[in-house]
Amino acid sequence: MDKKIQKLFEQEPEERYYEMVVVLKPFLPDTVRVQADEKIEKIIEDAGGKVKSKAIWGKRFLAYPIKGHKEGYYILYYFQLKSDKSKEVEKYLNRHPEILRFMIIKLKEFDLAKVKIKAKKAVIKE
């Protein structure tokens, strides 16, 4: 094998920034919702990641029913994680019983000031 190609395979995966929106079941008790939030953060940390920012959007109507629910409780996360660990996080989130749906997006850049502005615009009052 060519030495340049071999070096590519031996390189450590780089840390990347991700944005993730999680939709929880809407009628969970507050204690269960907090536990689900803590469990999601623990999943990220156990994979070697760091949660940089989190915004709770609260309960909102869904565009279409998901698993019989017309509403969902939204939480937005920004986190840093090695690129090879994102599939591991997805695997655990797929098995989480309180999650209706989630989406993870890889970010090209991360600016905490912009994230805070985005989170403030999303805050709703129930």
C-alpha atoms as a PDB file:
ATOM      1  CA  MET A   1       0.000   0.000   0.000  1.00  0.00           C
ATOM      2  CA  ASP A   2       1.196   3.489  -0.839  1.00  0.00           C
ATOM      3  CA  LYS A   3       2.543   5.369   2.239  1.00  0.00           C
ATOM      4  CA  LYS A   4       0.276   8.379   1.627  1.00  0.00           C
ATOM      5  CA  ILE A   5      -2.813   6.194   1.571  1.00  0.00           C
ATOM      6  CA  GLN A   6      -1.647   4.325   4.655  1.00  0.00           C
ATOM      7  CA  LYS A   7      -1.250   7.644   6.532  1.00  0.00           C
ATOM      8  CA  LEU A   8      -4.853   8.526   5.691  1.00  0.00           C
ATOM      9  CA  PHE A   9      -6.073   5.333   7.321  1.00  0.00           C
ATOM     10  CA  GLU A  10      -3.889   5.841  10.400  1.00  0.00           C
ATOM     11  CA  GLN A  11      -5.031   9.423  11.067  1.00  0.00           C
ATOM     12  CA  GLU A  12      -7.194  10.126  14.070  1.00  0.00           C
ATOM     13  CA  PRO A  13     -10.721  11.186  13.132  1.00  0.00           C
ATOM     14  CA  GLU A  14     -11.101  14.919  13.541  1.00  0.00           C
ATOM     15  CA  GLU A  15     -13.499  16.552  15.975  1.00  0.00           C
ATOM     16  CA  ARG A  16     -16.453  18.218  14.308  1.00  0.00           C
ATOM     17  CA  TYR A  17     -19.355  20.330  15.414  1.00  0.00           C
ATOM     18  CA  TYR A  18     -22.901  19.073  15.091  1.00  0.00           C
ATOM     19  CA  GLU A  19     -26.378  20.498  15.460  1.00  0.00           C
ATOM     20  CA  MET A  20     -29.094  18.123  16.629  1.00  0.00           C
ATOM     21  CA  VAL A  21     -32.817  18.630  17.062  1.00  0.00           C
ATOM     22  CA  VAL A  22     -34.596  16.065  19.202  1.00  0.00           C
ATOM     23  CA  VAL A  23     -38.377  15.729  19.353  1.00  0.00           C
ATOM     24  CA  LEU A  24     -39.605  14.072  22.531  1.00  0.00           C
ATOM     25  CA  LYS A  25     -43.086  12.718  23.173  1.00  0.00           C
ATOM     26  CA  PRO A  26     -45.262  15.714  24.097  1.00  0.00           C
ATOM     27  CA  PHE A  27     -47.047  14.522  27.235  1.00  0.00           C
ATOM     28  CA  LEU A  28     -44.112  13.262  29.255  1.00  0.00           C
ATOM     29  CA  PRO A  29     -44.040  14.369  32.903  1.00  0.00           C
ATOM     30  CA  ASP A  30     -41.417  17.023  33.617  1.00  0.00           C
ATOM     31  CA  THR A  31     -39.268  14.594  35.594  1.00  0.00           C
ATOM     32  CA  VAL A  32     -39.191  12.086  32.725  1.00  0.00           C
ATOM     33  CA  ARG A  33     -38.448  14.876  30.227  1.00  0.00           C
ATOM     34  CA  VAL A  34     -35.507  16.099  32.330  1.00  0.00           C
ATOM     35  CA  GLN A  35     -34.217  12.535  32.661  1.00  0.00           C
ATOM     36  CA  ALA A  36     -34.486  12.064  28.874  1.00  0.00           C
ATOM     37  CA  ASP A  37     -32.557  15.305  28.325  1.00  0.00           C
ATOM     38  CA  GLU A  38     -29.834  14.209  30.755  1.00  0.00           C
ATOM     39  CA  LYS A  39     -29.679  10.780  29.098  1.00  0.00           C
ATOM     40  CA  ILE A  40     -29.205  12.373  25.658  1.00  0.00           C
ATOM     41  CA  GLU A  41     -26.355  14.525  26.984  1.00  0.00           C
ATOM     42  CA  LYS A  42     -24.818  11.437  28.631  1.00  0.00           C
ATOM     43  CA  ILE A  43     -24.985   9.530  25.325  1.00  0.00           C
ATOM     44  CA  ILE A  44     -23.022  12.339  23.640  1.00  0.00           C
ATOM     45  CA  GLU A  45     -20.476  12.525  26.475  1.00  0.00           C
ATOM     46  CA  ASP A  46     -20.050   8.723  26.607  1.00  0.00           C
ATOM     47  CA  ALA A  47     -19.156   8.821  22.907  1.00  0.00           C
ATOM     48  CA  GLY A  48     -16.392  11.315  23.741  1.00  0.00           C
ATOM     49  CA  GLY A  49     -18.323  14.452  22.803  1.00  0.00           C
ATOM     50  CA  LYS A  50     -18.989  17.735  24.558  1.00  0.00           C
ATOM     51  CA  VAL A  51     -22.328  19.559  24.559  1.00  0.00           C
ATOM     52  CA  LYS A  52     -21.505  23.194  23.768  1.00  0.00           C
ATOM     53  CA  SER A  53     -24.997  24.667  23.869  1.00  0.00           C
ATOM     54  CA  LYS A  54     -28.589  23.595  24.361  1.00  0.00           C
ATOM     55  CA  ALA A  55     -31.896  25.371  23.753  1.00  0.00           C
ATOM     56  CA  ILE A  56     -35.241  24.073  24.879  1.00  0.00           C
ATOM     57  CA  TRP A  57     -37.829  25.079  22.298  1.00  0.00           C
ATOM     58  CA  GLY A  58     -40.704  23.479  24.154  1.00  0.00           C
ATOM     59  CA  LYS A  59     -43.913  21.966  22.879  1.00  0.00           C
ATOM     60  CA  ARG A  60     -44.846  22.639  19.258  1.00  0.00           C
ATOM     61  CA  PHE A  61     -47.203  21.232  16.675  1.00  0.00           C
ATOM     62  CA  LEU A  62     -45.671  18.792  14.209  1.00  0.00           C
ATOM     63  CA  ALA A  63     -46.043  19.263  10.452  1.00  0.00           C
ATOM     64  CA  TYR A  64     -47.466  15.735  10.277  1.00  0.00           C
ATOM     65  CA  PRO A  65     -48.253  13.061  12.892  1.00  0.00           C
ATOM     66  CA  ILE A  66     -45.309  10.983  14.095  1.00  0.00           C
ATOM     67  CA  LYS A  67     -46.131   7.710  15.855  1.00  0.00           C
ATOM     68  CA  GLY A  68     -49.667   9.001  16.490  1.00  0.00           C
ATOM     69  CA  HIS A  69     -48.543  12.315  18.037  1.00  0.00           C
ATOM     70  CA  LYS A  70     -49.536  15.716  16.632  1.00  0.00           C
ATOM     71  CA  GLU A  71     -47.236  17.636  18.990  1.00  0.00           C
ATOM     72  CA  GLY A  72     -43.659  17.199  20.132  1.00  0.00           C
ATOM     73  CA  TYR A  73     -41.297  18.678  22.714  1.00  0.00           C
ATOM     74  CA  TYR A  74     -38.270  20.112  20.902  1.00  0.00           C
ATOM     75  CA  ILE A  75     -34.708  20.427  22.217  1.00  0.00           C
ATOM     76  CA  LEU A  76     -31.811  21.805  20.154  1.00  0.00           C
ATOM     77  CA  TYR A  77     -28.251  20.685  20.930  1.00  0.00           C
ATOM     78  CA  TYR A  78     -24.887  21.882  19.630  1.00  0.00           C
ATOM     79  CA  PHE A  79     -22.055  19.507  20.377  1.00  0.00           C
ATOM     80  CA  GLN A  80     -18.510  18.565  19.425  1.00  0.00           C
ATOM     81  CA  LEU A  81     -17.695  14.950  18.600  1.00  0.00           C
ATOM     82  CA  LYS A  82     -15.155  12.899  16.683  1.00  0.00           C
ATOM     83  CA  SER A  83     -16.496  12.206  13.224  1.00  0.00           C
ATOM     84  CA  ASP A  84     -16.386   8.422  13.599  1.00  0.00           C
ATOM     85  CA  LYS A  85     -18.598   8.502  16.726  1.00  0.00           C
ATOM     86  CA  SER A  86     -21.705  10.164  15.236  1.00  0.00           C
ATOM     87  CA  LYS A  87     -23.140   6.814  14.080  1.00  0.00           C
ATOM     88  CA  GLU A  88     -22.720   5.474  17.622  1.00  0.00           C
ATOM     89  CA  VAL A  89     -24.748   8.392  19.007  1.00  0.00           C
ATOM     90  CA  GLU A  90     -27.445   7.791  16.359  1.00  0.00           C
ATOM     91  CA  LYS A  91     -27.639   4.111  17.303  1.00  0.00           C
ATOM     92  CA  TYR A  92     -28.340   4.896  20.957  1.00  0.00           C
ATOM     93  CA  LEU A  93     -30.819   7.665  20.159  1.00  0.00           C
ATOM     94  CA  ASN A  94     -32.784   5.317  17.893  1.00  0.00           C
ATOM     95  CA  ARG A  95     -33.306   3.027  20.888  1.00  0.00           C
ATOM     96  CA  HIS A  96     -34.408   5.796  23.266  1.00  0.00           C
ATOM     97  CA  PRO A  97     -38.143   5.244  24.015  1.00  0.00           C
ATOM     98  CA  GLU A  98     -39.057   8.900  24.697  1.00  0.00           C
ATOM     99  CA  ILE A  99     -37.691  10.214  21.374  1.00  0.00           C
ATOM    100  CA  LEU A 100     -40.138  10.571  18.496  1.00  0.00           C
ATOM    101  CA  ARG A 101     -37.600  11.833  15.973  1.00  0.00           C
ATOM    102  CA  PHE A 102     -34.144  13.407  15.816  1.00  0.00           C
ATOM    103  CA  MET A 103     -31.862  14.890  13.193  1.00  0.00           C
ATOM    104  CA  ILE A 104     -28.105  15.410  13.384  1.00  0.00           C
ATOM    105  CA  ILE A 105     -26.434  17.881  11.016  1.00  0.00           C
ATOM    106  CA  LYS A 106     -22.679  18.307  10.595  1.00  0.00           C
ATOM    107  CA  LEU A 107     -21.696  21.987  10.779  1.00  0.00           C
ATOM    108  CA  LYS A 108     -18.966  23.573   8.692  1.00  0.00           C
ATOM    109  CA  GLU A 109     -18.197  26.098  11.420  1.00  0.00           C
ATOM    110  CA  PHE A 110     -19.340  26.844  14.948  1.00  0.00           C
ATOM    111  CA  ASP A 111     -19.923  30.325  16.331  1.00  0.00           C
ATOM    112  CA  LEU A 112     -21.367  30.355  19.852  1.00  0.00           C
ATOM    113  CA  ALA A 113     -22.663  33.940  19.478  1.00  0.00           C
ATOM    114  CA  LYS A 114     -24.744  32.976  16.430  1.00  0.00           C
ATOM    115  CA  VAL A 115     -25.995  29.888  18.231  1.00  0.00           C
ATOM    116  CA  LYS A 116     -27.221  31.972  21.173  1.00  0.00           C
ATOM    117  CA  ILE A 117     -29.067  34.350  18.826  1.00  0.00           C
ATOM    118  CA  LYS A 118     -30.686  31.413  17.048  1.00  0.00           C
ATOM    119  CA  ALA A 119     -31.715  29.895  20.376  1.00  0.00           C
ATOM    120  CA  LYS A 120     -33.241  33.165  21.624  1.00  0.00           C
ATOM    121  CA  LYS A 121     -35.344  33.516  18.481  1.00  0.00           C
ATOM    122  CA  ALA A 122     -36.681  30.003  19.007  1.00  0.00           C
ATOM    123  CA  VAL A 123     -37.815  30.463  22.602  1.00  0.00           C
ATOM    124  CA  ILE A 124     -41.566  30.195  22.956  1.00  0.00           C
ATOM    125  CA  LYS A 125     -43.815  30.627  25.944  1.00  0.00           C
ATOM    126  CA  GLU A 126     -46.263  27.859  26.734  1.00  0.00           C
END
